[in-house]
C-alpha atoms as a PDB file:
ATOM      1  CA  MET A   1     125.166 104.847  -5.542  1.00  0.00           C
ATOM      2  CA  LEU A   2     126.843 106.353  -3.331  1.00  0.00           C
ATOM      3  CA  ALA A   3     124.932 103.875  -0.761  1.00  0.00           C
ATOM      4  CA  ARG A   4     126.294 100.812  -2.516  1.00  0.00           C
ATOM      5  CA  ALA A   5     129.358 101.754  -2.726  1.00  0.00           C
ATOM      6  CA  THR A   6     129.455 102.344   1.046  1.00  0.00           C
ATOM      7  CA  ARG A   7     128.252  98.779   2.046  1.00  0.00           C
ATOM      8  CA  PHE A   8     130.748  97.288  -0.654  1.00  0.00           C
ATOM      9  CA  ALA A   9     133.243  99.429   1.455  1.00  0.00           C
ATOM     10  CA  ALA A  10     132.025  97.863   4.480  1.00  0.00           C
ATOM     11  CA  THR A  11     131.296  94.641   3.768  1.00  0.00           C
ATOM     12  CA  PRO A  12     132.847  92.832   0.772  1.00  0.00           C
ATOM     13  CA  PRO A  13     130.304  91.706  -1.898  1.00  0.00           C
ATOM     14  CA  PRO A  14     130.179  88.146  -3.469  1.00  0.00           C
ATOM     15  CA  ARG A  15     133.051  87.799  -5.678  1.00  0.00           C
ATOM     16  CA  ASP A  16     130.777  86.520  -8.499  1.00  0.00           C
ATOM     17  CA  LEU A  17     128.427  89.784  -9.105  1.00  0.00           C
ATOM     18  CA  LEU A  18     129.534  89.744 -12.547  1.00  0.00           C
ATOM     19  CA  ARG A  19     130.585  86.024 -13.414  1.00  0.00           C
ATOM     20  CA  ASP A  20     130.710  85.499 -16.929  1.00  0.00           C
ATOM     21  CA  VAL A  21     130.518  88.852 -17.436  1.00  0.00           C
ATOM     22  CA  CYS A  22     133.242  90.504 -19.921  1.00  0.00           C
ATOM     23  CA  VAL A  23     134.573  93.646 -19.332  1.00  0.00           C
ATOM     24  CA  VAL A  24     136.352  95.717 -22.300  1.00  0.00           C
ATOM     25  CA  ASN A  25     138.695  98.641 -20.998  1.00  0.00           C
ATOM     26  CA  LEU A  26     139.485 100.756 -23.700  1.00  0.00           C
ATOM     27  CA  PHE A  27     141.633 103.812 -22.763  1.00  0.00           C
ATOM     28  CA  PHE A  28     142.978 106.268 -25.212  1.00  0.00           C
ATOM     29  CA  GLU A  29     144.812 108.318 -22.793  1.00  0.00           C
ATOM     30  CA  ALA A  30     147.431 107.559 -19.928  1.00  0.00           C
ATOM     31  CA  SER A  31     145.486 106.466 -16.689  1.00  0.00           C
ATOM     32  CA  THR A  32     147.120 105.287 -13.360  1.00  0.00           C
ATOM     33  CA  ARG A  33     144.306 105.980 -10.812  1.00  0.00           C
ATOM     34  CA  THR A  34     141.567 105.466 -13.135  1.00  0.00           C
ATOM     35  CA  TYR A  35     142.724 102.721 -15.176  1.00  0.00           C
ATOM     36  CA  THR A  36     144.063 100.507 -12.044  1.00  0.00           C
ATOM     37  CA  SER A  37     140.829 101.248 -10.166  1.00  0.00           C
ATOM     38  CA  PHE A  38     138.628  99.900 -13.116  1.00  0.00           C
ATOM     39  CA  ALA A  39     140.971  97.062 -12.917  1.00  0.00           C
ATOM     40  CA  LEU A  40     140.978  96.362  -9.558  1.00  0.00           C
ATOM     41  CA  ALA A  41     137.010  96.643  -9.329  1.00  0.00           C
ATOM     42  CA  GLU A  42     136.110  94.379 -12.120  1.00  0.00           C
ATOM     43  CA  GLN A  43     138.229  91.362 -10.412  1.00  0.00           C
ATOM     44  CA  ARG A  44     136.425  91.962  -7.421  1.00  0.00           C
ATOM     45  CA  VAL A  45     132.885  91.393  -8.683  1.00  0.00           C
ATOM     46  CA  GLY A  46     134.400  88.729 -10.699  1.00  0.00           C
ATOM     47  CA  ALA A  47     134.017  90.133 -14.131  1.00  0.00           C
ATOM     48  CA  ASP A  48     136.182  88.853 -17.313  1.00  0.00           C
ATOM     49  CA  ILE A  49     138.636  91.559 -17.886  1.00  0.00           C
ATOM     50  CA  VAL A  50     140.328  92.404 -21.139  1.00  0.00           C
ATOM     51  CA  ALA A  51     142.637  95.191 -21.814  1.00  0.00           C
ATOM     52  CA  LEU A  52     142.233  97.060 -25.319  1.00  0.00           C
ATOM     53  CA  PRO A  53     145.483  99.587 -25.682  1.00  0.00           C
ATOM     54  CA  PRO A  54     144.820 102.005 -28.216  1.00  0.00           C
ATOM     55  CA  GLY A  55     147.557 100.452 -30.436  1.00  0.00           C
ATOM     56  CA  SER A  56     145.913  97.205 -29.976  1.00  0.00           C
ATOM     57  CA  SER A  57     142.263  98.275 -31.800  1.00  0.00           C
ATOM     58  CA  SER A  58     141.604  98.422 -35.265  1.00  0.00           C
ATOM     59  CA  LEU A  59     140.257 102.738 -35.045  1.00  0.00           C
ATOM     60  CA  GLY A  60     143.695 103.225 -36.239  1.00  0.00           C
ATOM     61  CA  LYS A  61     143.772 101.418 -39.585  1.00  0.00           C
ATOM     62  CA  GLY A  62     140.226 102.990 -40.542  1.00  0.00           C
ATOM     63  CA  GLU A  63     137.597 101.293 -38.479  1.00  0.00           C
ATOM     64  CA  THR A  64     135.138 102.994 -37.483  1.00  0.00           C
ATOM     65  CA  ILE A  65     133.654 103.457 -33.793  1.00  0.00           C
ATOM     66  CA  ALA A  66     130.689 101.813 -34.885  1.00  0.00           C
ATOM     67  CA  ASP A  67     132.370  98.906 -36.027  1.00  0.00           C
ATOM     68  CA  THR A  68     134.382  98.270 -32.674  1.00  0.00           C
ATOM     69  CA  ALA A  69     131.311  98.325 -31.264  1.00  0.00           C
ATOM     70  CA  LEU A  70     129.485  95.857 -33.511  1.00  0.00           C
ATOM     71  CA  THR A  71     132.741  93.591 -33.063  1.00  0.00           C
ATOM     72  CA  LEU A  72     132.840  94.048 -29.368  1.00  0.00           C
ATOM     73  CA  ALA A  73     129.463  93.341 -28.757  1.00  0.00           C
ATOM     74  CA  ALA A  74     129.384  90.281 -30.805  1.00  0.00           C
ATOM     75  CA  MET A  75     132.274  88.573 -28.698  1.00  0.00           C
ATOM     76  CA  GLY A  76     130.042  88.848 -26.071  1.00  0.00           C
ATOM     77  CA  VAL A  77     131.477  91.933 -24.608  1.00  0.00           C
ATOM     78  CA  ARG A  78     128.726  93.319 -22.211  1.00  0.00           C
ATOM     79  CA  VAL A  79     130.630  96.345 -20.734  1.00  0.00           C
ATOM     80  CA  ILE A  80     133.160  99.034 -22.113  1.00  0.00           C
ATOM     81  CA  VAL A  81     134.748 101.271 -20.043  1.00  0.00           C
ATOM     82  CA  THR A  82     136.748 104.048 -22.104  1.00  0.00           C
ATOM     83  CA  ARG A  83     138.644 106.996 -22.143  1.00  0.00           C
ATOM     84  CA  HIS A  84     139.300 109.262 -24.788  1.00  0.00           C
ATOM     85  CA  PRO A  85     140.555 112.760 -25.670  1.00  0.00           C
ATOM     86  CA  GLU A  86     137.336 113.511 -27.465  1.00  0.00           C
ATOM     87  CA  SER A  87     134.693 114.769 -25.395  1.00  0.00           C
ATOM     88  CA  GLY A  88     131.821 112.913 -26.476  1.00  0.00           C
ATOM     89  CA  PHE A  89     133.194 109.674 -27.431  1.00  0.00           C
ATOM     90  CA  PRO A  90     131.699 107.479 -24.985  1.00  0.00           C
ATOM     91  CA  TYR A  91     128.070 108.891 -25.884  1.00  0.00           C
ATOM     92  CA  ARG A  92     129.235 108.257 -29.605  1.00  0.00           C
ATOM     93  CA  LEU A  93     130.244 104.598 -28.826  1.00  0.00           C
ATOM     94  CA  ALA A  94     127.437 103.917 -26.944  1.00  0.00           C
ATOM     95  CA  GLU A  95     124.790 104.649 -29.758  1.00  0.00           C
ATOM     96  CA  SER A  96     126.191 101.659 -31.555  1.00  0.00           C
ATOM     97  CA  PHE A  97     126.945  98.956 -28.432  1.00  0.00           C
ATOM     98  CA  GLU A  98     124.300  96.947 -27.141  1.00  0.00           C
ATOM     99  CA  GLY A  99     125.810  96.486 -23.749  1.00  0.00           C
ATOM    100  CA  HIS A 100     127.033  99.321 -21.151  1.00  0.00           C
ATOM    101  CA  VAL A 101     129.439 102.268 -22.030  1.00  0.00           C
ATOM    102  CA  ILE A 102     131.180 103.724 -18.728  1.00  0.00           C
ATOM    103  CA  ASN A 103     132.719 107.243 -19.035  1.00  0.00           C
ATOM    104  CA  ALA A 104     135.957 107.055 -18.097  1.00  0.00           C
ATOM    105  CA  GLY A 105     136.816 110.748 -18.942  1.00  0.00           C
ATOM    106  CA  ASP A 106     136.356 112.437 -22.359  1.00  0.00           C
ATOM    107  CA  GLY A 107     137.724 115.089 -22.912  1.00  0.00           C
ATOM    108  CA  ARG A 108     137.749 118.531 -21.123  1.00  0.00           C
ATOM    109  CA  HIS A 109     133.760 117.270 -20.935  1.00  0.00           C
ATOM    110  CA  ALA A 110     132.977 114.709 -17.860  1.00  0.00           C
ATOM    111  CA  HIS A 111     134.590 112.118 -15.543  1.00  0.00           C
ATOM    112  CA  PRO A 112     131.540 110.789 -13.538  1.00  0.00           C
ATOM    113  CA  THR A 113     133.061 108.293 -11.315  1.00  0.00           C
ATOM    114  CA  GLN A 114     135.657 110.576 -10.382  1.00  0.00           C
ATOM    115  CA  ALA A 115     133.171 112.862  -9.026  1.00  0.00           C
ATOM    116  CA  LEU A 116     131.170 109.709  -7.514  1.00  0.00           C
ATOM    117  CA  LEU A 117     134.505 108.770  -5.414  1.00  0.00           C
ATOM    118  CA  ASP A 118     134.703 112.789  -4.340  1.00  0.00           C
ATOM    119  CA  LEU A 119     131.390 112.820  -3.423  1.00  0.00           C
ATOM    120  CA  LEU A 120     131.297 109.848  -1.164  1.00  0.00           C
ATOM    121  CA  THR A 121     134.872 111.237   0.174  1.00  0.00           C
ATOM    122  CA  LEU A 122     132.847 114.259   1.032  1.00  0.00           C
ATOM    123  CA  GLN A 123     129.758 112.056   2.261  1.00  0.00           C
ATOM    124  CA  LYS A 124     132.247 109.748   4.534  1.00  0.00           C
ATOM    125  CA  GLU A 125     133.663 113.147   6.245  1.00  0.00           C
ATOM    126  CA  PHE A 126     130.716 115.210   6.970  1.00  0.00           C
ATOM    127  CA  GLY A 127     127.751 112.745   6.981  1.00  0.00           C
ATOM    128  CA  GLU A 128     125.785 114.798   4.805  1.00  0.00           C
ATOM    129  CA  ILE A 129     126.992 116.994   1.722  1.00  0.00           C
ATOM    130  CA  ALA A 130     123.897 119.490   1.761  1.00  0.00           C
ATOM    131  CA  GLY A 131     125.545 122.918   2.704  1.00  0.00           C
ATOM    132  CA  VAL A 132     128.898 121.836   2.620  1.00  0.00           C
ATOM    133  CA  ARG A 133     130.950 124.501   1.474  1.00  0.00           C
ATOM    134  CA  VAL A 134     133.326 123.176  -1.756  1.00  0.00           C
ATOM    135  CA  ALA A 135     135.885 124.968  -3.057  1.00  0.00           C
ATOM    136  CA  LEU A 136     137.482 123.644  -6.540  1.00  0.00           C
ATOM    137  CA  VAL A 137     140.902 125.514  -7.455  1.00  0.00           C
ATOM    138  CA  GLY A 138     142.873 126.005 -10.595  1.00  0.00           C
ATOM    139  CA  ASP A 139     142.443 124.957 -14.028  1.00  0.00           C
ATOM    140  CA  ILE A 140     138.556 124.907 -14.343  1.00  0.00           C
ATOM    141  CA  LEU A 141     137.862 125.413 -17.779  1.00  0.00           C
ATOM    142  CA  HIS A 142     139.601 122.524 -19.113  1.00  0.00           C
ATOM    143  CA  SER A 143     138.794 120.033 -16.210  1.00  0.00           C
ATOM    144  CA  ARG A 144     136.414 117.041 -16.669  1.00  0.00           C
ATOM    145  CA  VAL A 145     136.728 116.413 -13.112  1.00  0.00           C
ATOM    146  CA  ALA A 146     135.667 119.996 -12.168  1.00  0.00           C
ATOM    147  CA  ARG A 147     132.595 120.120 -14.641  1.00  0.00           C
ATOM    148  CA  SER A 148     131.444 116.597 -13.125  1.00  0.00           C
ATOM    149  CA  ASN A 149     131.882 117.543  -9.432  1.00  0.00           C
ATOM    150  CA  VAL A 150     129.753 120.710  -9.957  1.00  0.00           C
ATOM    151  CA  ILE A 151     126.632 118.858 -11.277  1.00  0.00           C
ATOM    152  CA  GLY A 152     127.088 116.123  -8.529  1.00  0.00           C
ATOM    153  CA  LEU A 153     127.558 118.771  -5.534  1.00  0.00           C
ATOM    154  CA  ARG A 154     124.622 120.876  -7.040  1.00  0.00           C
ATOM    155  CA  ALA A 155     122.541 118.226  -7.126  1.00  0.00           C
ATOM    156  CA  LEU A 156     123.174 117.307  -3.260  1.00  0.00           C
ATOM    157  CA  GLY A 157     122.674 120.700  -2.025  1.00  0.00           C
ATOM    158  CA  ALA A 158     126.713 121.736  -1.331  1.00  0.00           C
ATOM    159  CA  ASP A 159     127.648 125.323  -1.422  1.00  0.00           C
ATOM    160  CA  ILE A 160     130.226 125.514  -4.387  1.00  0.00           C
ATOM    161  CA  THR A 161     132.850 128.362  -4.884  1.00  0.00           C
ATOM    162  CA  LEU A 162     135.118 128.143  -7.888  1.00  0.00           C
ATOM    163  CA  VAL A 163     138.710 129.841  -7.637  1.00  0.00           C
ATOM    164  CA  GLY A 164     141.408 130.505 -10.279  1.00  0.00           C
ATOM    165  CA  PRO A 165     142.503 133.281 -12.776  1.00  0.00           C
ATOM    166  CA  GLN A 166     140.244 134.632 -15.490  1.00  0.00           C
ATOM    167  CA  THR A 167     141.844 132.534 -18.364  1.00  0.00           C
ATOM    168  CA  LEU A 168     141.344 129.169 -16.749  1.00  0.00           C
ATOM    169  CA  LEU A 169     137.763 130.170 -15.085  1.00  0.00           C
ATOM    170  CA  PRO A 170     135.978 132.316 -17.252  1.00  0.00           C
ATOM    171  CA  ASP A 171     132.974 134.681 -15.653  1.00  0.00           C
ATOM    172  CA  ALA A 172     130.365 132.456 -17.645  1.00  0.00           C
ATOM    173  CA  MET A 173     131.007 129.430 -15.700  1.00  0.00           C
ATOM    174  CA  ALA A 174     129.244 130.839 -12.660  1.00  0.00           C
ATOM    175  CA  ARG A 175     125.681 129.806 -12.337  1.00  0.00           C
ATOM    176  CA  ASP A 176     123.061 129.573  -9.804  1.00  0.00           C
ATOM    177  CA  GLY A 177     124.540 127.957  -6.645  1.00  0.00           C
ATOM    178  CA  VAL A 178     128.021 128.165  -8.099  1.00  0.00           C
ATOM    179  CA  ARG A 179     129.753 131.524  -7.420  1.00  0.00           C
ATOM    180  CA  ILE A 180     133.575 132.436  -9.043  1.00  0.00           C
ATOM    181  CA  ALA A 181     136.223 133.918  -6.566  1.00  0.00           C
ATOM    182  CA  ARG A 182     139.528 135.342  -8.174  1.00  0.00           C
ATOM    183  CA  ASP A 183     141.170 135.664  -4.336  1.00  0.00           C
ATOM    184  CA  LEU A 184     142.172 131.922  -2.665  1.00  0.00           C
ATOM    185  CA  ASP A 185     142.942 133.848   0.216  1.00  0.00           C
ATOM    186  CA  ALA A 186     140.063 135.368   1.113  1.00  0.00           C
ATOM    187  CA  VAL A 187     138.142 132.109   0.378  1.00  0.00           C
ATOM    188  CA  LEU A 188     140.346 129.331   2.291  1.00  0.00           C
ATOM    189  CA  PRO A 189     138.603 130.547   6.171  1.00  0.00           C
ATOM    190  CA  HIS A 190     135.496 130.037   4.710  1.00  0.00           C
ATOM    191  CA  VAL A 191     135.286 126.439   3.313  1.00  0.00           C
ATOM    192  CA  ASP A 192     134.905 122.887   4.795  1.00  0.00           C
ATOM    193  CA  ALA A 193     136.606 121.130   1.680  1.00  0.00           C
ATOM    194  CA  LEU A 194     139.546 122.790  -0.823  1.00  0.00           C
ATOM    195  CA  MET A 195     139.684 120.674  -4.246  1.00  0.00           C
ATOM    196  CA  LEU A 196     142.772 121.391  -5.952  1.00  0.00           C
ATOM    197  CA  LEU A 197     142.954 120.710  -9.579  1.00  0.00           C
ATOM    198  CA  ARG A 198     145.435 119.908 -12.171  1.00  0.00           C
ATOM    199  CA  ILE A 199     146.392 122.587 -14.663  1.00  0.00           C
ATOM    200  CA  GLN A 200     145.387 120.826 -17.793  1.00  0.00           C
ATOM    201  CA  HIS A 201     148.540 121.415 -20.265  1.00  0.00           C
ATOM    202  CA  GLU A 202     147.671 119.104 -23.163  1.00  0.00           C
ATOM    203  CA  ARG A 203     144.296 120.843 -23.006  1.00  0.00           C
ATOM    204  CA  ILE A 204     145.187 124.524 -23.267  1.00  0.00           C
ATOM    205  CA  ALA A 205     145.497 126.671 -26.132  1.00  0.00           C
ATOM    206  CA  PRO A 206     148.575 128.569 -26.551  1.00  0.00           C
ATOM    207  CA  GLY A 207     148.885 132.194 -24.678  1.00  0.00           C
ATOM    208  CA  VAL A 208     146.397 131.110 -22.560  1.00  0.00           C
ATOM    209  CA  LEU A 209     148.002 129.683 -19.552  1.00  0.00           C
ATOM    210  CA  PRO A 210     149.479 132.441 -17.198  1.00  0.00           C
ATOM    211  CA  SER A 211     153.288 131.761 -16.234  1.00  0.00           C
ATOM    212  CA  LEU A 212     153.200 128.994 -13.702  1.00  0.00           C
ATOM    213  CA  ASP A 213     155.240 131.524 -11.313  1.00  0.00           C
ATOM    214  CA  ASP A 214     152.131 133.668 -11.192  1.00  0.00           C
ATOM    215  CA  TYR A 215     149.900 130.716 -10.718  1.00  0.00           C
ATOM    216  CA  ALA A 216     151.954 129.213  -8.206  1.00  0.00           C
ATOM    217  CA  ARG A 217     152.047 132.647  -6.178  1.00  0.00           C
ATOM    218  CA  ASN A 218     148.476 133.503  -6.421  1.00  0.00           C
ATOM    219  CA  TYR A 219     146.712 129.723  -6.632  1.00  0.00           C
ATOM    220  CA  ARG A 220     149.411 127.075  -4.534  1.00  0.00           C
ATOM    221  CA  LEU A 221     148.604 125.383  -1.179  1.00  0.00           C
ATOM    222  CA  ASP A 222     151.680 126.155   0.999  1.00  0.00           C
ATOM    223  CA  ALA A 223     152.006 126.226   4.693  1.00  0.00           C
ATOM    224  CA  ARG A 224     150.855 129.622   4.872  1.00  0.00           C
ATOM    225  CA  ARG A 225     148.005 128.886   3.021  1.00  0.00           C
ATOM    226  CA  LEU A 226     146.924 125.789   4.885  1.00  0.00           C
ATOM    227  CA  ALA A 227     146.963 128.084   8.100  1.00  0.00           C
ATOM    228  CA  LEU A 228     144.239 130.028   6.606  1.00  0.00           C
ATOM    229  CA  LEU A 229     141.964 127.024   6.474  1.00  0.00           C
ATOM    230  CA  GLY A 230     139.321 126.151   9.512  1.00  0.00           C
ATOM    231  CA  ARG A 231     140.730 123.129  11.857  1.00  0.00           C
ATOM    232  CA  ASN A 232     138.487 120.802  10.174  1.00  0.00           C
ATOM    233  CA  ALA A 233     139.059 121.344   6.810  1.00  0.00           C
ATOM    234  CA  ILE A 234     140.323 118.971   4.206  1.00  0.00           C
ATOM    235  CA  VAL A 235     142.111 119.296   1.334  1.00  0.00           C
ATOM    236  CA  MET A 236     141.226 116.947  -1.933  1.00  0.00           C
ATOM    237  CA  HIS A 237     142.990 116.149  -5.323  1.00  0.00           C
ATOM    238  CA  PRO A 238     141.962 113.833  -8.008  1.00  0.00           C
ATOM    239  CA  GLY A 239     145.237 113.447  -9.055  1.00  0.00           C
ATOM    240  CA  PRO A 240     148.384 113.361 -10.696  1.00  0.00           C
ATOM    241  CA  TYR A 241     149.328 116.749  -8.542  1.00  0.00           C
ATOM    242  CA  ALA A 242     152.213 118.705  -9.554  1.00  0.00           C
ATOM    243  CA  ARG A 243     154.256 119.460  -6.499  1.00  0.00           C
ATOM    244  CA  GLY A 244     155.601 123.305  -6.470  1.00  0.00           C
ATOM    245  CA  ILE A 245     152.880 124.259  -8.670  1.00  0.00           C
ATOM    246  CA  GLU A 246     149.619 123.520  -7.283  1.00  0.00           C
ATOM    247  CA  LEU A 247     151.026 122.382  -4.064  1.00  0.00           C
ATOM    248  CA  THR A 248     153.903 122.193  -1.906  1.00  0.00           C
ATOM    249  CA  GLU A 249     155.342 119.002   0.555  1.00  0.00           C
ATOM    250  CA  ASP A 250     153.291 121.029   3.200  1.00  0.00           C
ATOM    251  CA  VAL A 251     149.978 119.398   2.370  1.00  0.00           C
ATOM    252  CA  PHE A 252     151.232 115.805   2.458  1.00  0.00           C
ATOM    253  CA  ALA A 253     151.613 116.823   6.203  1.00  0.00           C
ATOM    254  CA  TYR A 254     148.259 118.532   6.695  1.00  0.00           C
ATOM    255  CA  PRO A 255     145.799 116.474   8.868  1.00  0.00           C
ATOM    256  CA  GLY A 256     143.088 117.034   6.509  1.00  0.00           C
ATOM    257  CA  TRP A 257     144.736 115.519   3.133  1.00  0.00           C
ATOM    258  CA  ARG A 258     142.512 113.227   1.845  1.00  0.00           C
ATOM    259  CA  TYR A 259     144.043 112.290  -1.471  1.00  0.00           C
ATOM    260  CA  ALA A 260     144.585 108.585  -0.106  1.00  0.00           C
ATOM    261  CA  GLN A 261     140.974 108.399   0.609  1.00  0.00           C
ATOM    262  CA  GLN A 262     139.319 109.113  -2.261  1.00  0.00           C
ATOM    263  CA  VAL A 263     141.805 106.471  -4.526  1.00  0.00           C
ATOM    264  CA  ALA A 264     140.671 103.869  -1.934  1.00  0.00           C
ATOM    265  CA  HIS A 265     137.059 105.409  -2.316  1.00  0.00           C
ATOM    266  CA  GLY A 266     137.683 104.704  -6.518  1.00  0.00           C
ATOM    267  CA  VAL A 267     137.647 101.057  -6.127  1.00  0.00           C
ATOM    268  CA  PHE A 268     134.439 100.558  -4.310  1.00  0.00           C
ATOM    269  CA  VAL A 269     132.464 103.307  -6.290  1.00  0.00           C
ATOM    270  CA  ARG A 270     133.439 101.677  -9.735  1.00  0.00           C
ATOM    271  CA  MET A 271     132.785  98.340  -8.210  1.00  0.00           C
ATOM    272  CA  ALA A 272     129.031  99.766  -7.521  1.00  0.00           C
ATOM    273  CA  VAL A 273     128.923 101.394 -10.680  1.00  0.00           C
ATOM    274  CA  LEU A 274     129.615  98.078 -12.702  1.00  0.00           C
ATOM    275  CA  ASP A 275     127.083  96.439 -10.091  1.00  0.00           C
ATOM    276  CA  PHE A 276     124.408  98.636 -10.771  1.00  0.00           C
ATOM    277  CA  LEU A 277     124.898  98.559 -14.567  1.00  0.00           C
ATOM    278  CA  VAL A 278     124.911  94.635 -14.477  1.00  0.00           C
ATOM    279  CA  ASN A 279     122.626  93.383 -12.140  1.00  0.00           C
ATOM    280  CA  ALA A 280     120.360  96.343 -10.219  1.00  0.00           C
ATOM    281  CA  SER A 281     117.417  96.099 -13.225  1.00  0.00           C
ATOM    282  CA  THR A 282     116.976  92.739 -12.335  1.00  0.00           C
ATOM    283  CA  ARG A 283     117.806  92.562  -9.139  1.00  0.00           C
ATOM    284  CA  ASP A 284     116.836  95.912  -7.080  1.00  0.00           C
ATOM    285  CA  ALA A 285     113.337  97.332  -7.410  1.00  0.00           C
ATOM    286  CA  ASN A 286     114.382 100.679  -6.236  1.00  0.00           C
ATOM    287  CA  PRO A 287     118.062 100.243  -6.202  1.00  0.00           C
ATOM    288  CA  ALA A 288     120.247 102.712  -4.152  1.00  0.00           C
END
């Protein structure tokens, strides 16, 4: 998939890869980057696009997920891109839908295409991901981005450290190839890539979140901590970021700040996902 996205970034593909293919964007949570990125990707591969805001669907009237899937399939929809606060929603939708369902984020469970664009960013930076030392910092427990990234990074052989307070990063999240650290300052000199994560206020139970002052004091990336990074280390963030809590303005002037590159890569990754799902089985004997 990364090779396919890289080809699309280098040479724009024909704009009819998904000609006459109807894609519905069904987002039940607010989104700027992911929604716009998917919409642009769909346009660039020539799909017919339907935006279906939650208030426009009949799920609020008692229609089941299965009913929605049947209705959309009967209208000729072949791909549904969905984001939902409930973990597992895309998979339940896929059980009743004859086409393809793309998970654009479900609860605190997974965000696969975000992980792919992050992996592409790392690959572009370091050539290969095996052996790259990556630290994910912040609210790991509630982060679907962290979960999907850990899966991808482990599969490609990265060295992974998770950093955060006990309440947002339980010891139980350690596993083979994934270590846990509490002291960010001690980790910074030894990483190639630092990925900051947003505190998921909307998913955190009362009493779990430490005070924001304490969090910022221990885990915010600022000028002092930037100076602890190696000269070629990069900093990433899936967005949106909270100034003053996860980072300070100093980060935006850091030469290794890669947020914009991540966002740009998201369009190519999502083009690749759409093309792969719709066309790969008939066009590629061995898809990239």
